[in-house]
C-alpha atoms as a PDB file:
ATOM      1  CA  MET A   1      81.419 102.324 101.370  1.00  0.00           C
ATOM      2  CA  PHE A   2      82.997 105.779 101.260  1.00  0.00           C
ATOM      3  CA  ARG A   3      81.249 108.496  99.252  1.00  0.00           C
ATOM      4  CA  VAL A   4      82.240 112.122  98.798  1.00  0.00           C
ATOM      5  CA  LYS A   5      80.723 114.795  96.577  1.00  0.00           C
ATOM      6  CA  PHE A   6      82.321 117.987  95.283  1.00  0.00           C
ATOM      7  CA  THR A   7      80.480 120.982  93.851  1.00  0.00           C
ATOM      8  CA  ASN A   8      82.123 124.056  92.338  1.00  0.00           C
ATOM      9  CA  SER A   9      80.396 127.341  93.136  1.00  0.00           C
ATOM     10  CA  ASN A  10      83.433 129.430  92.139  1.00  0.00           C
ATOM     11  CA  ASP A  11      83.630 131.358  88.888  1.00  0.00           C
ATOM     12  CA  ALA A  12      86.975 129.719  88.078  1.00  0.00           C
ATOM     13  CA  PRO A  13      87.351 125.963  87.535  1.00  0.00           C
ATOM     14  CA  ILE A  14      88.559 123.669  90.307  1.00  0.00           C
ATOM     15  CA  PHE A  15      90.230 120.289  89.983  1.00  0.00           C
ATOM     16  CA  VAL A  16      89.628 117.161  92.036  1.00  0.00           C
ATOM     17  CA  GLN A  17      92.403 114.560  92.133  1.00  0.00           C
ATOM     18  CA  VAL A  18      91.848 111.033  93.477  1.00  0.00           C
ATOM     19  CA  ASP A  19      95.025 109.381  94.782  1.00  0.00           C
ATOM     20  CA  PRO A  20      96.830 107.033  94.630  1.00  0.00           C
ATOM     21  CA  TRP A  21      95.465 106.667  91.059  1.00  0.00           C
ATOM     22  CA  ALA A  22      95.989 110.356  90.183  1.00  0.00           C
ATOM     23  CA  GLY A  23      92.560 110.530  88.557  1.00  0.00           C
ATOM     24  CA  LEU A  24      91.999 114.215  87.791  1.00  0.00           C
ATOM     25  CA  TYR A  25      88.634 115.873  87.138  1.00  0.00           C
ATOM     26  CA  LYS A  26      87.852 119.470  86.197  1.00  0.00           C
ATOM     27  CA  LEU A  27      84.737 121.133  87.614  1.00  0.00           C
ATOM     28  CA  CYS A  28      83.483 124.361  86.077  1.00  0.00           C
ATOM     29  CA  LYS A  29      81.075 126.622  87.939  1.00  0.00           C
ATOM     30  CA  GLY A  30      77.944 124.652  88.873  1.00  0.00           C
ATOM     31  CA  ASP A  31      79.522 121.251  88.101  1.00  0.00           C
ATOM     32  CA  GLU A  32      79.271 118.427  90.612  1.00  0.00           C
ATOM     33  CA  ILE A  33      81.041 115.075  90.922  1.00  0.00           C
ATOM     34  CA  GLU A  34      80.715 112.241  93.417  1.00  0.00           C
ATOM     35  CA  PHE A  35      83.199 109.458  94.185  1.00  0.00           C
ATOM     36  CA  ALA A  36      82.631 106.125  95.908  1.00  0.00           C
ATOM     37  CA  ALA A  37      85.055 103.454  97.118  1.00  0.00           C
ATOM     38  CA  ASN A  38      84.856 100.138  98.918  1.00  0.00           C
ATOM     39  CA  GLY A  39      87.350  99.077 101.547  1.00  0.00           C
ATOM     40  CA  ASN A  40      89.208  95.801 101.346  1.00  0.00           C
ATOM     41  CA  ASP A  41      89.941  93.629 104.383  1.00  0.00           C
ATOM     42  CA  LYS A  42      91.012  96.688 106.384  1.00  0.00           C
ATOM     43  CA  GLU A  43      89.097  99.807 107.295  1.00  0.00           C
ATOM     44  CA  LEU A  44      88.812 102.307 104.445  1.00  0.00           C
ATOM     45  CA  LEU A  45      90.597 105.543 105.303  1.00  0.00           C
ATOM     46  CA  PHE A  46      90.549 108.811 103.395  1.00  0.00           C
ATOM     47  CA  ASP A  47      91.840 112.353 103.556  1.00  0.00           C
ATOM     48  CA  VAL A  48      90.841 115.490 101.653  1.00  0.00           C
ATOM     49  CA  GLU A  49      93.350 118.299 101.165  1.00  0.00           C
ATOM     50  CA  GLU A  50      92.789 121.657  99.499  1.00  0.00           C
ATOM     51  CA  HIS A  51      95.577 123.374  97.579  1.00  0.00           C
ATOM     52  CA  ASN A  52      94.445 126.551  95.807  1.00  0.00           C
ATOM     53  CA  ASP A  53      92.168 125.322  92.978  1.00  0.00           C
ATOM     54  CA  THR A  54      92.818 121.594  93.577  1.00  0.00           C
ATOM     55  CA  ARG A  55      91.149 119.194  96.007  1.00  0.00           C
ATOM     56  CA  ILE A  56      93.090 115.972  96.617  1.00  0.00           C
ATOM     57  CA  VAL A  57      91.196 112.939  97.893  1.00  0.00           C
ATOM     58  CA  THR A  58      93.573 110.230  99.114  1.00  0.00           C
ATOM     59  CA  LEU A  59      92.151 106.744  99.742  1.00  0.00           C
ATOM     60  CA  TRP A  60      93.882 104.021 101.750  1.00  0.00           C
ATOM     61  CA  ASN A  61      92.858 100.352 101.887  1.00  0.00           C
ATOM     62  CA  SER A  62      90.850 100.467  98.673  1.00  0.00           C
ATOM     63  CA  ASP A  63      91.796  98.818  95.402  1.00  0.00           C
ATOM     64  CA  GLU A  64      89.572 101.000  93.235  1.00  0.00           C
ATOM     65  CA  TYR A  65      87.183 103.913  93.170  1.00  0.00           C
ATOM     66  CA  PHE A  66      84.066 104.805  91.242  1.00  0.00           C
ATOM     67  CA  VAL A  67      82.605 108.000  89.802  1.00  0.00           C
ATOM     68  CA  VAL A  68      78.887 108.174  90.556  1.00  0.00           C
ATOM     69  CA  ARG A  69      76.787 109.084  87.491  1.00  0.00           C
ATOM     70  CA  GLU A  70      73.028 109.346  87.783  1.00  0.00           C
ATOM     71  CA  GLY A  71      73.214 107.484  91.100  1.00  0.00           C
ATOM     72  CA  ARG A  72      75.187 104.578  89.613  1.00  0.00           C
ATOM     73  CA  PRO A  73      78.874 103.942  90.395  1.00  0.00           C
ATOM     74  CA  VAL A  74      81.007 103.761  87.227  1.00  0.00           C
ATOM     75  CA  HIS A  75      84.532 102.310  87.548  1.00  0.00           C
ATOM     76  CA  TRP A  76      87.120 105.056  87.154  1.00  0.00           C
ATOM     77  CA  LYS A  77      88.688 103.309  84.137  1.00  0.00           C
ATOM     78  CA  GLU A  78      85.315 103.577  82.363  1.00  0.00           C
ATOM     79  CA  PHE A  79      84.847 107.246  83.270  1.00  0.00           C
ATOM     80  CA  PRO A  80      87.326 109.407  81.340  1.00  0.00           C
ATOM     81  CA  THR A  81      88.826 112.442  82.964  1.00  0.00           C
ATOM     82  CA  ASN A  82      87.660 115.750  81.532  1.00  0.00           C
ATOM     83  CA  VAL A  83      90.764 117.848  82.144  1.00  0.00           C
ATOM     84  CA  SER A  84      91.620 118.298  78.473  1.00  0.00           C
ATOM     85  CA  GLU A  85      88.220 119.837  77.649  1.00  0.00           C
END
């Protein structure tokens, strides 16, 4: 299982995008978010890129990802993005 955690210590918000699903999450100062994914029959591969205020996590060989809340993975479809807040 792949797990990655992002924390924003900047005064300005940052955004974390999870591809290929284009899930987008806004982190204000002090916010933290963790993602988890399982690989399928092939090895799970990932890449993290940083573009100004956006971090892009790209996952290969995974059919889904989860947002970890209180130590429990929640399927991304059940965890709404918070970009419009």
